[in-house]
Amino acid sequence: MKIKKMNLKVHSSFGCKRNLSRISRHRELQPSTILFCSRNNLSLKEKFLDLKKGQAWSFDVMVAAGIFIIALVSFYFYALNYNSESDNFYKSLVQEGNVIGENLLSSGSPNNWTTVNVIKIGLLTGNEIDDEKLETFYNLSLTDYQREKKLLNTKYDFYINFSQPMVINGNNVNLIGNYNPNPENLIRVSRFAIYKNTPTTIYIHVWE
């Protein structure tokens, strides 16, 4: 008995099962019909797996992009805050340097101060640097540097030098204060005065 041509298009796994049941009742059908159905099922599974892989890859890309954006924003705000803190710290050092300069370019308190009665350190008598006050200032930096910092109203370390050598007790002195060759932060403030009848620049270094 001949079998009429049957519509065996496979649209789903259910269709395959239904067509295979028909095939089982008609032995004259070729085995290729069954093979076609199984291959079609396999193709659907592969497409489904490819779709899932594509979705997983897209999700990974989204996660990576999100992490990158968060890191970029965090770095931006960190850099912004760091620059702001650095600027504030720099301004603080400059302000301390100006305070030290104002104190030194005064007569001090009392006017003829000594290490015993000093309230504020100043190096001038009239409009010139006083040799005796400069010597007292130098000796105090050697014997009680922390007290000297308080008298100059600064919390930072400092040292000063002149554009010409300072002469104290007949010896040339390069600087007064606490010198650090490699400070982490350093600013320099300049002031002008008369020393030994010569215009002189006073360099005030403030560091931390």
N, C-alpha and C. Protein backbone atom coordinates (compact mmCIF):
# COMPACT_ATOMS: atom_id res chain seq x y z
N MET A 1 0.85 -1.18 0.00
CA MET A 1 0.00 0.00 0.00
C MET A 1 0.89 1.23 0.00
N LYS A 2 0.61 2.10 -0.97
CA LYS A 2 1.44 3.31 -1.08
C LYS A 2 0.93 4.38 -0.14
N ILE A 3 1.89 5.11 0.34
CA ILE A 3 1.57 6.17 1.31
C ILE A 3 1.60 7.51 0.61
N LYS A 4 0.54 8.24 0.83
CA LYS A 4 0.50 9.59 0.26
C LYS A 4 1.53 10.46 0.95
N LYS A 5 1.93 11.48 0.20
CA LYS A 5 2.92 12.41 0.73
C LYS A 5 2.34 13.12 1.93
N MET A 6 3.12 13.11 3.02
CA MET A 6 2.66 13.69 4.30
C MET A 6 3.44 14.95 4.62
N ASN A 7 2.78 15.88 5.24
CA ASN A 7 3.44 17.12 5.67
C ASN A 7 4.15 16.86 6.99
N LEU A 8 5.50 16.67 6.93
CA LEU A 8 6.29 16.33 8.12
C LEU A 8 7.18 17.48 8.55
N LYS A 9 6.78 18.74 8.27
CA LYS A 9 7.57 19.88 8.74
C LYS A 9 7.61 19.90 10.25
N VAL A 10 8.78 20.12 10.79
CA VAL A 10 8.95 20.07 12.24
C VAL A 10 8.99 21.50 12.76
N HIS A 11 8.03 21.87 13.61
CA HIS A 11 8.00 23.18 14.23
C HIS A 11 8.36 23.13 15.68
N SER A 12 8.34 22.01 16.27
CA SER A 12 8.68 21.89 17.68
C SER A 12 8.97 20.45 17.97
N SER A 13 9.45 20.20 19.18
CA SER A 13 9.72 18.83 19.59
C SER A 13 8.44 18.02 19.65
N PHE A 14 7.32 18.68 19.92
CA PHE A 14 6.03 18.00 19.96
C PHE A 14 5.67 17.51 18.56
N GLY A 15 5.96 18.38 17.54
CA GLY A 15 5.69 18.00 16.17
C GLY A 15 6.50 16.80 15.75
N CYS A 16 7.75 16.75 16.23
CA CYS A 16 8.60 15.61 15.91
C CYS A 16 8.01 14.33 16.47
N LYS A 17 7.56 14.38 17.71
CA LYS A 17 6.99 13.19 18.33
C LYS A 17 5.75 12.74 17.57
N ARG A 18 4.91 13.70 17.14
CA ARG A 18 3.69 13.37 16.44
C ARG A 18 4.00 12.75 15.09
N ASN A 19 4.98 13.34 14.39
CA ASN A 19 5.34 12.78 13.09
C ASN A 19 6.01 11.43 13.22
N LEU A 20 6.82 11.28 14.29
CA LEU A 20 7.46 9.98 14.49
C LEU A 20 6.43 8.90 14.77
N SER A 21 5.33 9.26 15.44
CA SER A 21 4.28 8.28 15.69
C SER A 21 3.63 7.87 14.38
N ARG A 22 3.51 8.84 13.46
CA ARG A 22 2.98 8.51 12.14
C ARG A 22 3.95 7.60 11.40
N ILE A 23 5.23 7.95 11.53
CA ILE A 23 6.24 7.17 10.82
C ILE A 23 6.23 5.73 11.29
N SER A 24 6.04 5.56 12.59
CA SER A 24 6.06 4.19 13.13
C SER A 24 4.93 3.34 12.58
N ARG A 25 3.82 3.98 12.07
CA ARG A 25 2.70 3.23 11.53
C ARG A 25 2.86 2.98 10.03
N HIS A 26 3.86 3.60 9.46
CA HIS A 26 4.09 3.43 8.01
C HIS A 26 5.53 3.03 7.80
N ARG A 27 5.73 1.75 7.64
CA ARG A 27 7.10 1.24 7.60
C ARG A 27 7.82 1.57 6.32
N GLU A 28 7.05 1.96 5.28
CA GLU A 28 7.70 2.22 4.01
C GLU A 28 8.41 3.56 3.98
N LEU A 29 8.25 4.40 5.03
CA LEU A 29 8.97 5.66 5.08
C LEU A 29 10.46 5.42 5.23
N GLN A 30 11.25 6.32 4.62
CA GLN A 30 12.69 6.17 4.68
C GLN A 30 13.22 6.58 6.05
N PRO A 31 14.31 5.97 6.54
CA PRO A 31 14.92 6.35 7.83
C PRO A 31 15.38 7.80 7.85
N SER A 32 15.63 8.38 6.67
CA SER A 32 16.08 9.78 6.62
C SER A 32 15.05 10.73 7.17
N THR A 33 13.78 10.33 7.13
CA THR A 33 12.73 11.19 7.68
C THR A 33 12.89 11.34 9.18
N ILE A 34 13.19 10.24 9.85
CA ILE A 34 13.42 10.26 11.30
C ILE A 34 14.69 11.03 11.63
N LEU A 35 15.72 10.84 10.81
CA LEU A 35 16.99 11.53 11.03
C LEU A 35 16.80 13.03 10.89
N PHE A 36 15.98 13.43 9.90
CA PHE A 36 15.72 14.85 9.70
C PHE A 36 15.06 15.47 10.95
N CYS A 37 14.13 14.75 11.53
CA CYS A 37 13.43 15.25 12.71
C CYS A 37 14.39 15.42 13.88
N SER A 38 15.25 14.45 14.11
CA SER A 38 16.19 14.53 15.23
C SER A 38 17.20 15.64 15.03
N ARG A 39 17.61 15.80 13.77
CA ARG A 39 18.58 16.88 13.48
C ARG A 39 17.94 18.24 13.69
N ASN A 40 16.71 18.36 13.33
CA ASN A 40 16.02 19.62 13.50
C ASN A 40 15.89 19.97 14.98
N ASN A 41 15.58 18.95 15.79
CA ASN A 41 15.54 19.14 17.24
C ASN A 41 16.89 19.61 17.76
N LEU A 42 17.97 18.99 17.27
CA LEU A 42 19.32 19.36 17.70
C LEU A 42 19.63 20.79 17.32
N SER A 43 19.19 21.20 16.13
CA SER A 43 19.44 22.57 15.68
C SER A 43 18.74 23.58 16.59
N LEU A 44 17.53 23.26 17.02
CA LEU A 44 16.81 24.15 17.93
C LEU A 44 17.52 24.29 19.26
N LYS A 45 18.02 23.17 19.76
CA LYS A 45 18.75 23.21 21.04
C LYS A 45 20.01 24.07 20.92
N GLU A 46 20.73 23.91 19.80
CA GLU A 46 21.95 24.69 19.60
C GLU A 46 21.64 26.19 19.54
N LYS A 47 20.55 26.52 18.84
CA LYS A 47 20.16 27.93 18.77
C LYS A 47 19.81 28.47 20.14
N PHE A 48 19.12 27.66 20.93
CA PHE A 48 18.76 28.07 22.29
C PHE A 48 19.99 28.29 23.16
N LEU A 49 20.98 27.35 23.03
CA LEU A 49 22.22 27.49 23.80
C LEU A 49 23.01 28.72 23.36
N ASP A 50 23.02 28.97 22.02
CA ASP A 50 23.72 30.16 21.53
C ASP A 50 23.07 31.43 22.05
N LEU A 51 21.73 31.42 22.12
CA LEU A 51 21.02 32.58 22.65
C LEU A 51 21.37 32.83 24.11
N LYS A 52 21.43 31.75 24.90
CA LYS A 52 21.79 31.89 26.31
C LYS A 52 23.21 32.40 26.46
N LYS A 53 24.13 31.89 25.61
CA LYS A 53 25.51 32.37 25.68
C LYS A 53 25.59 33.85 25.34
N GLY A 54 24.83 34.26 24.34
CA GLY A 54 24.82 35.68 23.96
C GLY A 54 24.29 36.55 25.08
N GLN A 55 23.24 36.09 25.76
CA GLN A 55 22.69 36.85 26.88
C GLN A 55 23.70 36.94 28.02
N ALA A 56 24.39 35.83 28.31
CA ALA A 56 25.40 35.83 29.38
C ALA A 56 26.54 36.78 29.05
N TRP A 57 26.97 36.78 27.76
CA TRP A 57 28.06 37.67 27.35
C TRP A 57 27.64 39.13 27.50
N SER A 58 26.41 39.44 27.10
CA SER A 58 25.90 40.81 27.24
C SER A 58 25.84 41.23 28.70
N PHE A 59 25.43 40.32 29.57
CA PHE A 59 25.37 40.63 30.99
C PHE A 59 26.77 40.92 31.55
N ASP A 60 27.76 40.11 31.12
CA ASP A 60 29.15 40.32 31.58
C ASP A 60 29.66 41.68 31.14
N VAL A 61 29.32 42.07 29.91
CA VAL A 61 29.76 43.37 29.41
C VAL A 61 29.13 44.50 30.23
N MET A 62 27.86 44.37 30.55
CA MET A 62 27.18 45.38 31.34
C MET A 62 27.80 45.51 32.73
N VAL A 63 28.11 44.36 33.35
CA VAL A 63 28.74 44.39 34.67
C VAL A 63 30.11 45.05 34.61
N ALA A 64 30.91 44.69 33.61
CA ALA A 64 32.24 45.27 33.46
C ALA A 64 32.16 46.77 33.23
N ALA A 65 31.20 47.20 32.39
CA ALA A 65 31.03 48.64 32.13
C ALA A 65 30.61 49.37 33.40
N GLY A 66 29.72 48.74 34.19
CA GLY A 66 29.30 49.36 35.45
C GLY A 66 30.44 49.53 36.42
N ILE A 67 31.28 48.50 36.54
CA ILE A 67 32.44 48.57 37.44
C ILE A 67 33.41 49.66 36.98
N PHE A 68 33.62 49.75 35.66
CA PHE A 68 34.53 50.76 35.13
C PHE A 68 34.02 52.16 35.41
N ILE A 69 32.73 52.39 35.23
CA ILE A 69 32.15 53.72 35.47
C ILE A 69 32.25 54.09 36.95
N ILE A 70 31.97 53.12 37.84
CA ILE A 70 32.07 53.39 39.28
C ILE A 70 33.51 53.74 39.66
N ALA A 71 34.48 52.98 39.11
CA ALA A 71 35.89 53.25 39.40
C ALA A 71 36.30 54.62 38.89
N LEU A 72 35.80 54.99 37.70
CA LEU A 72 36.15 56.28 37.11
C LEU A 72 35.59 57.44 37.94
N VAL A 73 34.34 57.31 38.36
CA VAL A 73 33.72 58.35 39.19
C VAL A 73 34.42 58.47 40.54
N SER A 74 34.77 57.32 41.15
CA SER A 74 35.46 57.32 42.44
C SER A 74 36.81 58.01 42.33
N PHE A 75 37.53 57.71 41.24
CA PHE A 75 38.85 58.34 41.04
C PHE A 75 38.71 59.84 40.86
N TYR A 76 37.66 60.27 40.15
CA TYR A 76 37.44 61.70 39.91
C TYR A 76 37.22 62.44 41.23
N PHE A 77 36.35 61.88 42.09
CA PHE A 77 36.07 62.55 43.36
C PHE A 77 37.28 62.49 44.28
N TYR A 78 38.05 61.38 44.22
CA TYR A 78 39.28 61.30 45.04
C TYR A 78 40.28 62.37 44.61
N ALA A 79 40.46 62.51 43.30
CA ALA A 79 41.41 63.52 42.80
C ALA A 79 40.94 64.92 43.16
N LEU A 80 39.63 65.14 43.08
CA LEU A 80 39.08 66.45 43.41
C LEU A 80 39.31 66.80 44.87
N ASN A 81 39.04 65.83 45.76
CA ASN A 81 39.25 66.06 47.19
C ASN A 81 40.72 66.20 47.53
N TYR A 82 41.56 65.37 46.85
CA TYR A 82 43.00 65.44 47.13
C TYR A 82 43.57 66.80 46.75
N ASN A 83 43.16 67.31 45.59
CA ASN A 83 43.65 68.62 45.16
C ASN A 83 43.17 69.72 46.10
N SER A 84 41.93 69.60 46.57
CA SER A 84 41.40 70.59 47.50
C SER A 84 42.17 70.58 48.82
N GLU A 85 42.45 69.37 49.34
CA GLU A 85 43.22 69.26 50.58
C GLU A 85 44.64 69.78 50.40
N SER A 86 45.24 69.48 49.25
CA SER A 86 46.61 69.95 48.98
C SER A 86 46.66 71.47 48.92
N ASP A 87 45.66 72.07 48.27
CA ASP A 87 45.61 73.53 48.18
C ASP A 87 45.46 74.16 49.56
N ASN A 88 44.59 73.58 50.38
CA ASN A 88 44.40 74.12 51.73
C ASN A 88 45.67 74.00 52.57
N PHE A 89 46.36 72.87 52.42
CA PHE A 89 47.59 72.67 53.19
C PHE A 89 48.67 73.65 52.73
N TYR A 90 48.77 73.84 51.43
CA TYR A 90 49.75 74.79 50.90
C TYR A 90 49.47 76.21 51.42
N LYS A 91 48.20 76.61 51.41
CA LYS A 91 47.84 77.92 51.91
C LYS A 91 48.19 78.06 53.40
N SER A 92 48.02 76.97 54.14
CA SER A 92 48.35 76.99 55.57
C SER A 92 49.84 77.21 55.78
N LEU A 93 50.68 76.54 54.98
CA LEU A 93 52.13 76.73 55.09
C LEU A 93 52.53 78.16 54.75
N VAL A 94 51.93 78.69 53.68
CA VAL A 94 52.25 80.07 53.28
C VAL A 94 51.84 81.05 54.37
N GLN A 95 50.69 80.83 54.96
CA GLN A 95 50.23 81.72 56.04
C GLN A 95 51.18 81.67 57.22
N GLU A 96 51.65 80.48 57.58
CA GLU A 96 52.61 80.37 58.69
C GLU A 96 53.91 81.10 58.35
N GLY A 97 54.35 80.96 57.10
CA GLY A 97 55.56 81.67 56.69
C GLY A 97 55.40 83.18 56.79
N ASN A 98 54.24 83.68 56.42
CA ASN A 98 53.98 85.13 56.53
C ASN A 98 53.96 85.59 57.98
N VAL A 99 53.39 84.76 58.86
CA VAL A 99 53.35 85.11 60.28
C VAL A 99 54.77 85.18 60.85
N ILE A 100 55.60 84.20 60.50
CA ILE A 100 57.00 84.21 60.98
C ILE A 100 57.72 85.46 60.46
N GLY A 101 57.49 85.78 59.18
CA GLY A 101 58.14 86.95 58.61
C GLY A 101 57.72 88.24 59.30
N GLU A 102 56.44 88.37 59.61
CA GLU A 102 55.97 89.57 60.30
C GLU A 102 56.57 89.69 61.69
N ASN A 103 56.69 88.56 62.37
CA ASN A 103 57.30 88.59 63.70
C ASN A 103 58.77 88.99 63.64
N LEU A 104 59.51 88.37 62.74
CA LEU A 104 60.95 88.64 62.66
C LEU A 104 61.24 90.08 62.25
N LEU A 105 60.41 90.63 61.37
CA LEU A 105 60.64 92.01 60.93
C LEU A 105 59.89 92.99 61.82
N SER A 106 60.00 92.75 63.10
CA SER A 106 59.49 93.67 64.13
C SER A 106 60.58 93.80 65.19
N SER A 107 60.32 94.65 66.16
CA SER A 107 61.31 94.81 67.23
C SER A 107 61.13 93.75 68.31
N GLY A 108 60.05 92.99 68.26
CA GLY A 108 59.80 91.97 69.28
C GLY A 108 59.12 92.58 70.49
N SER A 109 58.86 91.71 71.44
CA SER A 109 58.23 92.18 72.68
C SER A 109 58.83 91.40 73.86
N PRO A 110 59.31 92.18 74.86
CA PRO A 110 59.48 93.64 74.88
C PRO A 110 60.50 94.10 73.84
N ASN A 111 60.66 95.38 73.74
CA ASN A 111 61.51 95.92 72.68
C ASN A 111 62.94 95.41 72.76
N ASN A 112 63.49 95.37 73.96
CA ASN A 112 64.83 94.83 74.17
C ASN A 112 64.73 93.46 74.85
N TRP A 113 64.14 92.52 74.16
CA TRP A 113 63.85 91.20 74.73
C TRP A 113 65.12 90.36 74.89
N THR A 114 65.01 89.45 75.83
CA THR A 114 66.08 88.47 76.05
C THR A 114 65.41 87.09 76.11
N THR A 115 66.21 86.06 76.26
CA THR A 115 65.65 84.70 76.36
C THR A 115 64.83 84.53 77.63
N VAL A 116 65.04 85.39 78.60
CA VAL A 116 64.33 85.28 79.88
C VAL A 116 62.93 85.90 79.79
N ASN A 117 62.84 87.09 79.18
CA ASN A 117 61.57 87.84 79.22
C ASN A 117 60.85 87.92 77.87
N VAL A 118 61.33 87.23 76.88
CA VAL A 118 60.76 87.37 75.55
C VAL A 118 59.31 86.90 75.50
N ILE A 119 58.48 87.70 74.84
CA ILE A 119 57.08 87.36 74.57
C ILE A 119 56.88 87.12 73.07
N LYS A 120 57.53 87.99 72.29
CA LYS A 120 57.50 87.81 70.83
C LYS A 120 58.89 88.10 70.29
N ILE A 121 59.36 87.21 69.40
CA ILE A 121 60.69 87.38 68.82
C ILE A 121 60.62 88.35 67.65
N GLY A 122 61.53 89.34 67.66
CA GLY A 122 61.69 90.26 66.54
C GLY A 122 63.16 90.60 66.40
N LEU A 123 63.59 90.84 65.18
CA LEU A 123 65.02 91.04 64.93
C LEU A 123 65.40 92.50 64.67
N LEU A 124 64.45 93.39 64.56
CA LEU A 124 64.76 94.77 64.17
C LEU A 124 64.93 95.69 65.38
N THR A 125 65.83 96.61 65.19
CA THR A 125 65.92 97.80 66.04
C THR A 125 65.95 98.98 65.08
N GLY A 126 64.91 99.78 65.13
CA GLY A 126 64.75 100.78 64.08
C GLY A 126 64.33 100.06 62.80
N ASN A 127 65.08 100.28 61.73
CA ASN A 127 64.77 99.64 60.45
C ASN A 127 65.84 98.63 60.03
N GLU A 128 66.73 98.29 60.97
CA GLU A 128 67.80 97.36 60.63
C GLU A 128 67.78 96.14 61.55
N ILE A 129 68.35 95.05 61.05
CA ILE A 129 68.47 93.84 61.86
C ILE A 129 69.52 94.08 62.93
N ASP A 130 69.12 93.83 64.16
CA ASP A 130 69.98 94.04 65.32
C ASP A 130 70.85 92.80 65.52
N ASP A 131 72.19 93.01 65.57
CA ASP A 131 73.12 91.88 65.73
C ASP A 131 72.88 91.13 67.03
N GLU A 132 72.59 91.84 68.10
CA GLU A 132 72.39 91.19 69.40
C GLU A 132 71.11 90.34 69.39
N LYS A 133 70.05 90.87 68.81
CA LYS A 133 68.81 90.10 68.73
C LYS A 133 68.97 88.88 67.81
N LEU A 134 69.72 89.06 66.74
CA LEU A 134 69.97 87.94 65.83
C LEU A 134 70.75 86.84 66.54
N GLU A 135 71.72 87.23 67.34
CA GLU A 135 72.51 86.25 68.09
C GLU A 135 71.63 85.51 69.12
N THR A 136 70.77 86.24 69.82
CA THR A 136 69.87 85.62 70.80
C THR A 136 68.91 84.66 70.12
N PHE A 137 68.41 85.06 68.97
CA PHE A 137 67.52 84.21 68.18
C PHE A 137 68.23 82.92 67.76
N TYR A 138 69.46 83.04 67.34
CA TYR A 138 70.26 81.88 66.94
C TYR A 138 70.50 80.94 68.12
N ASN A 139 70.89 81.50 69.27
CA ASN A 139 71.17 80.65 70.43
C ASN A 139 69.91 79.94 70.93
N LEU A 140 68.78 80.63 70.87
CA LEU A 140 67.53 80.02 71.32
C LEU A 140 67.14 78.85 70.41
N SER A 141 67.45 78.95 69.12
CA SER A 141 67.14 77.85 68.21
C SER A 141 67.96 76.61 68.52
N LEU A 142 69.13 76.81 69.10
CA LEU A 142 69.99 75.68 69.46
C LEU A 142 69.59 75.06 70.80
N THR A 143 69.14 75.89 71.73
CA THR A 143 68.87 75.41 73.08
C THR A 143 67.41 75.03 73.32
N ASP A 144 66.48 75.72 72.67
CA ASP A 144 65.06 75.45 72.92
C ASP A 144 64.24 75.77 71.67
N TYR A 145 64.39 74.93 70.68
CA TYR A 145 63.74 75.17 69.38
C TYR A 145 62.21 75.13 69.49
N GLN A 146 61.66 74.22 70.28
CA GLN A 146 60.21 74.12 70.42
C GLN A 146 59.62 75.40 71.04
N ARG A 147 60.32 75.95 72.01
CA ARG A 147 59.87 77.22 72.59
C ARG A 147 59.92 78.33 71.55
N GLU A 148 60.95 78.30 70.74
CA GLU A 148 61.09 79.32 69.71
C GLU A 148 59.93 79.24 68.71
N LYS A 149 59.50 78.04 68.37
CA LYS A 149 58.35 77.87 67.48
C LYS A 149 57.10 78.50 68.09
N LYS A 150 56.89 78.28 69.36
CA LYS A 150 55.71 78.86 70.03
C LYS A 150 55.77 80.38 70.05
N LEU A 151 56.98 80.91 70.29
CA LEU A 151 57.14 82.35 70.33
C LEU A 151 56.89 82.99 68.95
N LEU A 152 57.16 82.23 67.90
CA LEU A 152 56.90 82.72 66.54
C LEU A 152 55.49 82.38 66.07
N ASN A 153 54.75 81.70 66.93
CA ASN A 153 53.35 81.39 66.66
C ASN A 153 53.18 80.50 65.42
N THR A 154 53.97 79.44 65.36
CA THR A 154 53.86 78.49 64.25
C THR A 154 53.86 77.06 64.77
N LYS A 155 53.10 76.20 64.13
CA LYS A 155 53.07 74.79 64.49
C LYS A 155 53.97 73.96 63.58
N TYR A 156 54.47 74.59 62.49
CA TYR A 156 55.31 73.88 61.54
C TYR A 156 56.79 74.14 61.84
N ASP A 157 57.62 73.28 61.30
CA ASP A 157 59.07 73.49 61.43
C ASP A 157 59.51 74.56 60.44
N PHE A 158 60.64 75.18 60.75
CA PHE A 158 61.11 76.27 59.91
C PHE A 158 62.62 76.42 60.03
N TYR A 159 63.18 77.12 59.08
CA TYR A 159 64.55 77.65 59.20
C TYR A 159 64.64 78.87 58.30
N ILE A 160 65.58 79.77 58.62
CA ILE A 160 65.76 80.97 57.83
C ILE A 160 67.22 81.10 57.41
N ASN A 161 67.42 81.78 56.31
CA ASN A 161 68.78 82.15 55.90
C ASN A 161 68.72 83.47 55.18
N PHE A 162 69.87 84.13 55.08
CA PHE A 162 69.96 85.44 54.44
C PHE A 162 70.60 85.30 53.07
N SER A 163 70.40 86.31 52.23
CA SER A 163 71.05 86.32 50.92
C SER A 163 72.56 86.57 51.05
N GLN A 164 73.02 86.96 52.23
CA GLN A 164 74.45 87.07 52.54
C GLN A 164 74.70 86.33 53.86
N PRO A 165 75.91 85.91 54.11
CA PRO A 165 76.16 85.15 55.34
C PRO A 165 75.82 85.96 56.59
N MET A 166 75.25 85.30 57.57
CA MET A 166 75.02 85.92 58.88
C MET A 166 76.29 85.76 59.70
N VAL A 167 76.66 86.80 60.38
CA VAL A 167 77.87 86.75 61.22
C VAL A 167 77.43 86.80 62.68
N ILE A 168 77.69 85.71 63.41
CA ILE A 168 77.31 85.60 64.82
C ILE A 168 78.54 85.15 65.61
N ASN A 169 78.89 85.95 66.62
CA ASN A 169 80.10 85.67 67.42
C ASN A 169 81.33 85.53 66.54
N GLY A 170 81.40 86.34 65.49
CA GLY A 170 82.56 86.32 64.61
C GLY A 170 82.58 85.18 63.62
N ASN A 171 81.54 84.34 63.59
CA ASN A 171 81.50 83.19 62.69
C ASN A 171 80.36 83.34 61.68
N ASN A 172 80.60 82.86 60.47
CA ASN A 172 79.55 82.87 59.46
C ASN A 172 78.54 81.75 59.74
N VAL A 173 77.27 82.09 59.73
CA VAL A 173 76.20 81.13 59.99
C VAL A 173 75.30 81.09 58.76
N ASN A 174 75.08 79.90 58.27
CA ASN A 174 74.30 79.75 57.04
C ASN A 174 72.79 79.82 57.27
N LEU A 175 72.34 79.29 58.40
CA LEU A 175 70.90 79.28 58.65
C LEU A 175 70.61 79.21 60.14
N ILE A 176 69.37 79.54 60.48
CA ILE A 176 68.89 79.46 61.86
C ILE A 176 67.57 78.69 61.85
N GLY A 177 67.45 77.71 62.72
CA GLY A 177 66.23 76.92 62.80
C GLY A 177 66.51 75.45 62.60
N ASN A 178 65.49 74.73 62.20
CA ASN A 178 65.57 73.28 62.04
C ASN A 178 65.59 72.94 60.55
N TYR A 179 66.76 72.61 60.04
CA TYR A 179 66.92 72.35 58.61
C TYR A 179 66.61 70.89 58.29
N ASN A 180 65.87 70.69 57.18
CA ASN A 180 65.58 69.34 56.69
C ASN A 180 65.90 69.32 55.20
N PRO A 181 66.85 68.48 54.75
CA PRO A 181 67.24 68.48 53.34
C PRO A 181 66.16 67.91 52.41
N ASN A 182 65.29 67.04 52.94
CA ASN A 182 64.28 66.39 52.10
C ASN A 182 62.91 66.41 52.77
N PRO A 183 62.33 67.59 52.95
CA PRO A 183 61.00 67.63 53.58
C PRO A 183 59.93 67.16 52.61
N GLU A 184 58.84 66.65 53.17
CA GLU A 184 57.73 66.22 52.33
C GLU A 184 57.01 67.41 51.71
N ASN A 185 56.87 68.47 52.49
CA ASN A 185 56.23 69.69 51.99
C ASN A 185 57.06 70.89 52.45
N LEU A 186 57.29 71.82 51.54
CA LEU A 186 58.15 72.97 51.85
C LEU A 186 57.68 74.18 51.05
N ILE A 187 57.62 75.33 51.73
CA ILE A 187 57.39 76.59 51.03
C ILE A 187 58.45 77.59 51.49
N ARG A 188 58.66 78.62 50.68
CA ARG A 188 59.63 79.66 51.04
C ARG A 188 58.99 81.03 50.86
N VAL A 189 59.15 81.84 51.88
CA VAL A 189 58.64 83.21 51.88
C VAL A 189 59.84 84.15 51.96
N SER A 190 59.81 85.21 51.19
CA SER A 190 60.92 86.17 51.17
C SER A 190 60.50 87.49 51.80
N ARG A 191 61.44 88.06 52.55
CA ARG A 191 61.26 89.39 53.13
C ARG A 191 62.55 90.19 52.92
N PHE A 192 62.42 91.51 52.91
CA PHE A 192 63.59 92.36 52.68
C PHE A 192 63.87 93.21 53.92
N ALA A 193 65.16 93.33 54.22
CA ALA A 193 65.57 94.10 55.40
C ALA A 193 66.98 94.66 55.15
N ILE A 194 67.42 95.47 56.10
CA ILE A 194 68.78 96.01 56.06
C ILE A 194 69.61 95.26 57.10
N TYR A 195 70.70 94.66 56.63
CA TYR A 195 71.60 93.93 57.53
C TYR A 195 73.02 94.40 57.28
N LYS A 196 73.64 94.93 58.34
CA LYS A 196 75.00 95.48 58.24
C LYS A 196 75.07 96.52 57.12
N ASN A 197 74.09 97.40 57.12
CA ASN A 197 74.00 98.52 56.19
C ASN A 197 73.86 98.08 54.72
N THR A 198 73.41 96.85 54.52
CA THR A 198 73.26 96.32 53.16
C THR A 198 71.85 95.75 52.98
N PRO A 199 71.18 96.09 51.87
CA PRO A 199 69.88 95.46 51.61
C PRO A 199 70.03 93.94 51.52
N THR A 200 69.22 93.26 52.25
CA THR A 200 69.35 91.80 52.37
C THR A 200 67.98 91.14 52.25
N THR A 201 67.96 89.99 51.60
CA THR A 201 66.73 89.20 51.51
C THR A 201 66.76 88.11 52.59
N ILE A 202 65.68 88.04 53.34
CA ILE A 202 65.53 86.98 54.35
C ILE A 202 64.62 85.90 53.76
N TYR A 203 65.13 84.68 53.70
CA TYR A 203 64.35 83.55 53.18
C TYR A 203 63.83 82.74 54.35
N ILE A 204 62.52 82.63 54.43
CA ILE A 204 61.87 81.89 55.53
C ILE A 204 61.31 80.60 54.93
N HIS A 205 61.82 79.48 55.37
CA HIS A 205 61.40 78.18 54.88
C HIS A 205 60.50 77.51 55.93
N VAL A 206 59.32 77.10 55.51
CA VAL A 206 58.39 76.40 56.40
C VAL A 206 58.14 75.02 55.80
N TRP A 207 58.27 74.00 56.62
CA TRP A 207 58.16 72.63 56.08
C TRP A 207 57.47 71.69 57.04
N GLU A 208 57.07 70.55 56.48
CA GLU A 208 56.50 69.49 57.30
C GLU A 208 56.97 68.15 56.76
